[in-house]
Protein backbone atom coordinates (compact mmCIF):
# COMPACT_ATOMS: atom_id res chain seq x y z
CA MET A 1 55.62 115.19 -40.49
CA SER A 2 54.94 114.79 -37.02
CA ARG A 3 51.30 114.09 -37.96
CA ILE A 4 52.47 111.14 -40.40
CA LYS A 5 54.65 109.62 -37.60
CA LEU A 6 51.24 109.62 -35.31
CA LEU A 7 49.06 108.07 -37.81
CA ALA A 8 51.99 105.44 -38.41
CA THR A 9 52.42 104.64 -34.62
CA GLY A 10 48.51 104.13 -34.42
CA ILE A 11 48.44 101.65 -37.34
CA VAL A 12 51.21 99.72 -35.89
CA ALA A 13 49.46 99.81 -32.32
CA GLY A 14 46.17 98.41 -33.89
CA ILE A 15 48.01 95.60 -35.84
CA VAL A 16 49.69 94.52 -32.83
CA PHE A 17 46.35 94.45 -30.13
CA SER A 18 44.72 92.44 -33.07
CA MET A 19 47.57 90.02 -33.10
CA LEU A 20 47.50 89.48 -29.53
CA VAL A 21 43.63 89.03 -29.32
CA VAL A 22 43.95 86.35 -32.11
CA GLY A 23 46.73 84.81 -30.21
CA VAL A 24 44.67 84.39 -27.25
CA ALA A 25 41.75 82.89 -28.62
CA LEU A 26 44.09 80.15 -30.30
CA ALA A 27 45.62 79.66 -27.09
CA GLN A 28 42.16 78.59 -25.58
CA THR A 29 41.33 76.26 -28.23
CA PRO A 30 43.33 72.87 -28.46
CA ALA A 31 45.21 72.12 -31.57
CA GLY A 32 43.06 70.72 -34.51
CA VAL A 33 40.10 71.41 -32.82
CA ARG A 34 37.38 73.90 -33.67
CA PRO A 35 34.84 74.91 -31.08
CA ALA A 36 31.42 73.03 -31.14
CA PRO A 37 28.76 75.14 -32.55
CA PRO A 38 25.42 75.73 -30.38
CA ALA A 39 22.89 72.72 -30.12
CA PRO A 40 20.17 73.62 -32.86
CA LEU A 41 16.72 73.61 -31.45
CA PRO A 42 14.12 71.36 -33.18
CA PRO A 43 12.39 73.31 -36.13
CA ASN A 44 9.03 73.51 -34.23
CA ALA A 45 10.75 74.89 -31.25
CA ARG A 46 12.78 77.34 -33.15
CA SER A 47 9.79 78.55 -35.12
CA ALA A 48 8.16 79.19 -31.66
CA ALA A 49 11.13 80.69 -29.86
CA GLN A 50 11.04 83.33 -33.09
CA GLY A 51 7.62 84.15 -32.31
CA GLY A 52 6.66 83.65 -35.85
CA GLN A 53 3.09 82.95 -36.48
CA GLY A 54 1.87 79.44 -36.82
CA ALA A 55 4.03 78.14 -33.97
CA LEU A 56 3.24 74.49 -33.49
CA VAL A 57 4.47 74.12 -30.02
CA PRO A 58 4.00 76.60 -26.58
CA PRO A 59 6.92 78.06 -25.16
CA SER A 60 6.59 75.82 -22.15
CA VAL A 61 7.37 73.07 -24.54
CA VAL A 62 10.58 74.78 -25.97
CA ASP A 63 11.71 75.52 -22.60
CA GLN A 64 11.48 71.72 -21.64
CA THR A 65 13.13 70.92 -24.82
CA LYS A 66 15.97 73.06 -24.06
CA GLU A 67 16.16 71.42 -20.40
CA GLN A 68 16.19 68.00 -21.86
CA LEU A 69 18.92 69.02 -24.49
CA LYS A 70 21.03 69.45 -21.08
CA GLY A 71 19.91 66.12 -19.74
CA GLY A 72 17.45 67.62 -17.40
CA TYR A 73 14.31 65.60 -17.21
CA GLY A 74 12.86 66.56 -14.05
CA ALA A 75 11.78 64.28 -10.95
CA MET A 76 9.59 61.27 -11.32
CA ALA A 77 6.53 60.79 -9.23
CA ARG A 78 6.11 57.51 -7.56
CA PRO A 79 2.47 57.28 -6.16
CA ARG A 80 2.94 53.57 -4.64
CA THR A 81 4.83 54.46 -1.55
CA SER A 82 4.39 54.33 1.97
CA GLY A 83 2.34 57.00 3.75
CA GLN A 84 -0.84 56.59 1.77
CA ILE A 85 -3.41 54.78 4.31
CA GLN A 86 -6.59 56.64 3.96
CA LYS A 87 -7.25 58.18 7.39
CA ALA A 88 -11.05 58.42 6.66
CA TRP A 89 -11.46 55.15 7.87
CA ASP A 90 -10.10 55.85 11.27
CA LYS A 91 -13.45 57.56 12.42
CA ILE A 92 -16.15 55.74 10.58
CA GLU A 93 -18.88 53.34 11.76
CA ASN A 94 -18.67 50.09 10.78
CA ALA A 95 -22.20 50.38 8.46
CA ALA A 96 -20.50 53.38 6.68
CA PRO A 97 -18.93 51.60 3.72
CA VAL A 98 -22.35 49.57 3.22
CA TYR A 99 -24.60 51.82 1.03
CA LYS A 100 -28.34 50.55 0.60
CA THR A 101 -31.08 52.18 -1.50
CA GLU A 102 -34.29 50.89 -2.95
CA ALA A 103 -34.68 49.99 -6.50
CA CYS A 104 -36.19 52.49 -8.57
CA ASP A 105 -37.34 52.85 -12.43
CA ASP A 106 -36.25 56.63 -12.65
CA CYS A 107 -33.03 57.07 -10.83
CA THR A 108 -29.42 56.84 -11.30
CA TYR A 109 -27.35 54.94 -8.67
CA LYS A 110 -24.42 56.87 -7.45
CA VAL A 111 -21.63 54.88 -6.35
CA ARG A 112 -18.27 55.99 -4.73
CA VAL A 113 -15.28 53.59 -5.32
CA ARG A 114 -11.50 54.26 -4.66
CA GLU A 115 -8.17 53.50 -6.43
CA TYR A 116 -6.73 50.18 -5.15
CA MET A 117 -9.78 49.07 -3.79
CA VAL A 118 -12.94 46.60 -4.83
CA SER A 119 -16.54 47.47 -4.40
CA VAL A 120 -19.29 44.92 -4.95
CA ILE A 121 -22.82 45.75 -6.16
CA GLU A 122 -25.83 43.69 -5.41
CA LEU A 123 -28.89 43.80 -7.53
CA PRO A 124 -32.42 43.32 -6.21
CA ARG A 125 -33.47 39.35 -5.19
CA GLY A 126 -34.41 37.61 -8.15
CA GLU A 127 -32.60 39.69 -10.78
CA ILE A 128 -29.89 37.97 -13.22
CA ILE A 129 -27.27 40.20 -14.94
CA GLN A 130 -27.31 39.66 -18.52
CA LYS A 131 -24.94 42.39 -19.78
CA ILE A 132 -22.86 45.12 -18.76
CA ASP A 133 -21.82 48.29 -20.33
CA VAL A 134 -19.11 50.40 -19.29
CA GLY A 135 -18.40 54.10 -20.32
CA ASP A 136 -14.67 53.86 -19.53
CA LYS A 137 -13.42 50.34 -19.84
CA ASP A 138 -9.88 51.47 -19.69
CA ASN A 139 -9.98 52.83 -15.89
CA PHE A 140 -12.75 50.80 -14.32
CA LYS A 141 -12.69 46.90 -14.32
CA VAL A 142 -16.04 45.13 -13.74
CA PHE A 143 -16.20 41.55 -12.96
CA GLU A 144 -19.47 39.55 -12.60
CA ARG A 145 -19.55 37.93 -9.10
CA GLY A 146 -22.76 35.68 -9.04
CA PRO A 147 -26.41 36.24 -11.05
CA ASN A 148 -27.02 39.62 -9.39
CA ARG A 149 -23.82 40.68 -8.20
CA LEU A 150 -20.73 42.25 -9.73
CA ALA A 151 -17.46 43.85 -8.58
CA VAL A 152 -15.88 47.21 -9.91
CA GLN A 153 -12.30 48.10 -9.33
CA PRO A 154 -11.04 51.54 -10.47
CA THR A 155 -7.23 51.86 -11.82
CA ILE A 156 -6.86 55.45 -11.48
CA HIS A 157 -8.28 58.41 -9.32
CA GLY A 158 -9.65 61.57 -10.16
CA THR A 159 -12.22 60.08 -12.85
CA ASP A 160 -15.61 59.00 -13.38
CA THR A 161 -18.03 56.84 -15.66
CA THR A 162 -21.16 55.42 -16.36
CA MET A 163 -22.17 51.75 -16.22
CA LEU A 164 -25.46 49.96 -17.54
CA VAL A 165 -26.46 46.79 -16.32
CA TYR A 166 -29.15 45.00 -17.98
CA GLY A 167 -31.24 42.36 -16.05
CA ALA A 168 -33.46 39.56 -17.14
CA SER A 169 -36.30 41.17 -15.42
CA GLY A 170 -36.21 43.88 -18.36
CA ARG A 171 -34.66 46.62 -15.83
CA ILE A 172 -31.81 48.69 -16.54
CA TYR A 173 -29.87 49.75 -13.62
CA PRO A 174 -27.79 53.03 -14.70
CA PHE A 175 -24.95 53.65 -12.33
CA TYR A 176 -22.60 56.63 -11.78
CA LEU A 177 -18.88 55.65 -10.87
CA ARG A 178 -16.50 58.13 -9.22
CA ALA A 179 -13.10 57.15 -8.33
CA GLU A 180 -11.59 58.72 -5.66
CA GLY A 181 -7.71 58.61 -4.19
CA PHE A 182 -6.48 57.51 -0.93
CA ASN A 183 -6.44 60.98 0.21
CA SER A 184 -10.17 61.45 -0.02
CA LYS A 185 -12.19 62.46 3.14
CA ASN A 186 -14.60 60.06 2.16
CA VAL A 187 -14.76 56.33 2.42
CA PRO A 188 -15.62 54.44 -0.44
CA ASP A 189 -18.88 52.48 -0.94
CA VAL A 190 -17.49 48.83 -0.35
CA VAL A 191 -20.99 47.01 -0.53
CA VAL A 192 -23.65 48.76 -2.32
CA LYS A 193 -27.10 46.95 -2.06
CA ILE A 194 -30.12 47.63 -4.16
CA GLU A 195 -32.95 46.39 -2.15
CA GLY A 196 -35.98 45.10 -3.62
CA GLN A 197 -37.43 41.99 -5.26
CA VAL A 198 -37.82 41.13 -9.02
CA SER A 199 -39.40 38.21 -10.73
CA VAL A 200 -37.75 36.74 -13.94
CA ASP A 201 -39.52 33.71 -14.54
CA PRO A 202 -42.14 31.99 -12.10
CA ASP A 203 -41.42 28.58 -13.32
CA PRO A 204 -37.77 27.85 -12.30
CA ALA A 205 -37.18 26.81 -8.48
CA VAL A 206 -34.74 29.71 -8.29
CA ALA A 207 -35.35 32.65 -10.46
CA TRP A 208 -31.73 33.38 -11.53
CA ALA A 209 -30.92 29.57 -12.22
CA GLU A 210 -31.86 29.26 -15.77
CA LYS A 211 -28.80 31.30 -16.70
CA TYR A 212 -26.55 28.39 -15.16
CA MET A 213 -28.62 25.42 -16.20
CA ALA A 214 -27.95 24.04 -19.77
CA ASP A 215 -28.33 20.82 -21.58
CA LYS A 216 -24.65 20.30 -21.40
CA SER A 217 -24.62 20.48 -17.72
CA PRO A 218 -22.85 17.15 -16.15
CA ALA A 219 -25.27 14.66 -14.58
CA ALA A 220 -24.57 14.12 -10.78
CA PRO A 221 -22.56 10.62 -10.72
CA ALA A 222 -24.62 7.83 -9.92
CA MET A 223 -23.85 6.10 -6.80
CA LYS A 224 -23.63 2.56 -6.67
CA VAL A 225 -26.75 1.31 -4.92
CA PRO A 226 -27.12 -2.37 -3.86
CA ASP A 227 -30.26 -4.08 -4.69
CA ASP A 228 -31.20 -3.22 -0.69
CA LYS A 229 -31.40 0.53 -1.10
CA ALA A 230 -31.74 0.44 2.73
CA ALA A 231 -28.19 -0.52 2.65
CA ASP A 232 -24.93 1.74 2.44
CA ALA A 233 -26.56 4.23 0.22
CA VAL A 234 -29.06 5.53 2.89
CA ALA A 235 -26.65 4.82 5.95
CA GLY A 236 -28.16 6.99 8.72
CA LEU A 237 -31.16 7.94 7.07
CA THR A 238 -33.36 5.63 8.84
CA LYS A 239 -34.51 8.29 11.12
CA PRO A 240 -35.66 11.42 9.22
CA ASN A 241 -34.75 13.84 11.85
CA PRO A 242 -33.43 12.69 15.06
CA GLY A 243 -34.45 14.80 18.19
CA THR A 244 -37.35 16.56 16.19
CA ARG A 245 -40.15 17.46 18.34
CA ALA A 246 -43.27 15.19 18.58
CA GLY A 247 -45.83 16.20 16.00
CA ASP A 248 -43.61 17.73 13.56
CA PHE A 249 -43.96 16.98 10.01
CA VAL A 250 -40.71 15.64 9.61
CA ALA A 251 -41.08 13.59 12.80
CA GLU A 252 -43.86 11.83 11.41
CA ALA A 253 -42.89 11.37 7.94
CA ALA A 254 -42.21 7.70 7.11
CA PHE A 255 -38.89 6.92 5.81
CA ASP A 256 -39.12 4.25 3.17
CA PRO A 257 -35.80 3.26 1.40
CA ASN A 258 -38.02 1.64 -1.50
CA THR A 259 -39.13 5.12 -2.61
CA LEU A 260 -35.62 6.35 -3.14
CA ARG A 261 -34.84 7.16 -6.76
CA GLY A 262 -33.15 9.37 -9.17
CA TRP A 263 -29.58 8.52 -9.00
CA GLY A 264 -27.87 9.69 -11.96
CA GLU A 265 -30.61 11.61 -13.06
CA TYR A 266 -29.75 15.07 -11.74
CA LYS A 267 -27.91 18.13 -13.37
CA LEU A 268 -25.50 20.03 -11.43
CA SER A 269 -24.52 23.37 -12.17
CA GLY A 270 -22.49 26.07 -10.30
CA SER A 271 -19.52 26.14 -7.82
CA ASP A 272 -17.13 23.13 -7.60
CA GLU A 273 -16.75 23.22 -3.90
CA LEU A 274 -20.74 22.83 -3.47
CA LYS A 275 -20.65 19.70 -5.65
CA PRO A 276 -21.89 16.56 -3.73
CA GLU A 277 -21.08 13.04 -4.37
CA THR A 278 -24.59 12.20 -5.61
CA VAL A 279 -28.19 13.49 -5.30
CA PHE A 280 -31.28 11.46 -4.86
CA ARG A 281 -34.92 11.75 -3.72
CA ASP A 282 -37.78 10.31 -2.46
CA ASP A 283 -41.38 11.28 -2.34
CA ARG A 284 -41.06 14.06 0.12
CA PHE A 285 -37.23 15.12 0.28
CA THR A 286 -34.36 15.62 -1.75
CA TYR A 287 -30.93 14.08 -0.56
CA VAL A 288 -27.48 15.70 -1.27
CA ARG A 289 -24.73 13.36 -0.24
CA PHE A 290 -21.45 15.23 0.38
CA GLY A 291 -19.62 12.04 1.74
CA LYS A 292 -16.20 12.91 3.01
CA LYS A 293 -16.22 16.17 1.38
CA TRP A 294 -18.91 17.45 4.03
CA ALA A 295 -16.14 18.39 6.31
CA ASN A 296 -14.83 21.14 4.05
CA VAL A 297 -18.31 22.34 3.07
CA GLU A 298 -19.70 25.60 4.74
CA LEU A 299 -23.43 24.76 5.38
CA PRO A 300 -25.40 26.42 2.62
CA THR A 301 -29.12 27.46 2.40
CA ALA A 302 -31.47 25.98 -0.16
CA TYR A 303 -34.24 28.22 -2.05
CA VAL A 304 -37.36 27.22 -4.41
CA VAL A 305 -39.60 29.70 -6.07
CA VAL A 306 -43.44 30.17 -4.47
CA ASP A 307 -45.71 32.34 -6.52
CA GLY A 308 -42.59 33.86 -8.44
CA ILE A 309 -40.65 34.78 -5.15
CA ASP A 310 -37.72 33.20 -3.76
CA GLU A 311 -38.26 31.04 -0.63
CA LEU A 312 -35.83 29.69 1.80
CA VAL A 313 -36.90 26.15 2.28
CA ASN A 314 -35.98 23.75 5.28
CA THR A 315 -32.80 21.53 5.41
CA ARG A 316 -31.06 19.54 7.80
CA VAL A 317 -28.06 17.28 8.05
CA GLN A 318 -27.51 13.47 9.01
CA GLY A 319 -24.16 12.21 8.71
CA GLU A 320 -22.72 13.11 5.50
CA THR A 321 -26.00 13.86 3.49
CA PHE A 322 -27.69 17.41 3.44
CA ILE A 323 -31.64 16.82 3.24
CA ILE A 324 -33.59 19.38 1.68
CA GLU A 325 -37.14 19.15 2.71
CA SER A 326 -38.70 19.71 -0.67
CA THR A 327 -38.56 17.69 -4.21
CA ARG A 328 -39.12 20.58 -6.61
CA PRO A 329 -37.30 19.75 -10.06
CA LEU A 330 -34.95 22.85 -9.62
CA ILE A 331 -33.48 23.62 -6.30
CA THR A 332 -30.51 26.19 -5.64
CA LEU A 333 -28.06 25.94 -2.71
CA LYS A 334 -25.96 29.17 -1.74
CA SER A 335 -23.12 29.53 0.46
CA GLY A 336 -21.38 32.86 0.80
CA MET A 337 -20.54 33.81 -2.87
CA SER A 338 -20.74 29.70 -4.10
CA PHE A 339 -24.02 28.34 -5.28
CA LEU A 340 -25.34 25.11 -6.97
CA CYS A 341 -28.39 24.37 -9.16
CA ILE A 342 -29.75 21.13 -8.86
CA GLN A 343 -32.04 19.96 -11.59
CA TYR A 344 -34.18 16.85 -11.57
CA GLY A 345 -34.59 15.19 -14.89
CA GLY A 346 -36.24 12.20 -13.93
CA LYS A 347 -40.08 11.25 -13.73
CA GLU A 348 -42.20 12.44 -10.81
CA THR A 349 -43.54 9.13 -9.94
């Protein structure tokens, strides 16, 4: 009998304990609301977490997915902040960023460039850039900056590529470009000069000018010249070069306004800042008249070709006229990055 009472007492105690546990659970859950189930993992992450064969994502992605489900996306790196001045510039000589090398037929030119900086590459004198191929066009921007110059600007650091430049001379210039960051211990090659001389065509007055001269090139505006050509059109030119020493060719060259010709017979091509009001000539010289524009023009240099080589030709200024001591049919003016091709299309006599 005592055993039966003991068994009954245990059953009752178990029932009471179960009711207490259920009561506590119900008390912790708001009325009418079920506990939210745990957030499921994506199928791919679930298969990887289970360690089954053929998992499509690595465990690191699973961990990142778990963090993102909780709203954790990590810190964002912002590279364009202060404190990114390249210290390597503090201890270099002025010539360090300028790299000079001789032109060669069997070498690759190595160029160090830098993120957020521009470098310019200059090919040998007389060369004309015809085409450029860049291996990584997305991260390396290349711009033509003249007949034999181009600018390179990387958009990121820690990458490299190759660049091939094709010249009108038939040469191919291969380059290896390496982009470094602001914390590099090396300064970039700001200017790269490939020294040497190439010949493209011995006929033009300036070897690279053909690329910029086309039949549609506008003619120089014709100056209103009165019947008496010695009047306003040639004002200030009655003396070829005041102050020239005796015996000099220019000092002894007779100036005859009746031999002036060529108004409206020149074609101009190139930089607008160097385009004059008009161009004319006589039997010895070419006259480039800038007029009032001359005050804002930086003094250019003039070139012609002699035996296939660009040669500097003497010039002088009288009043508002730039006088070139040559009558070659094609003359080129250069001033910094600006240039102007002057092509004579009239008769020689």
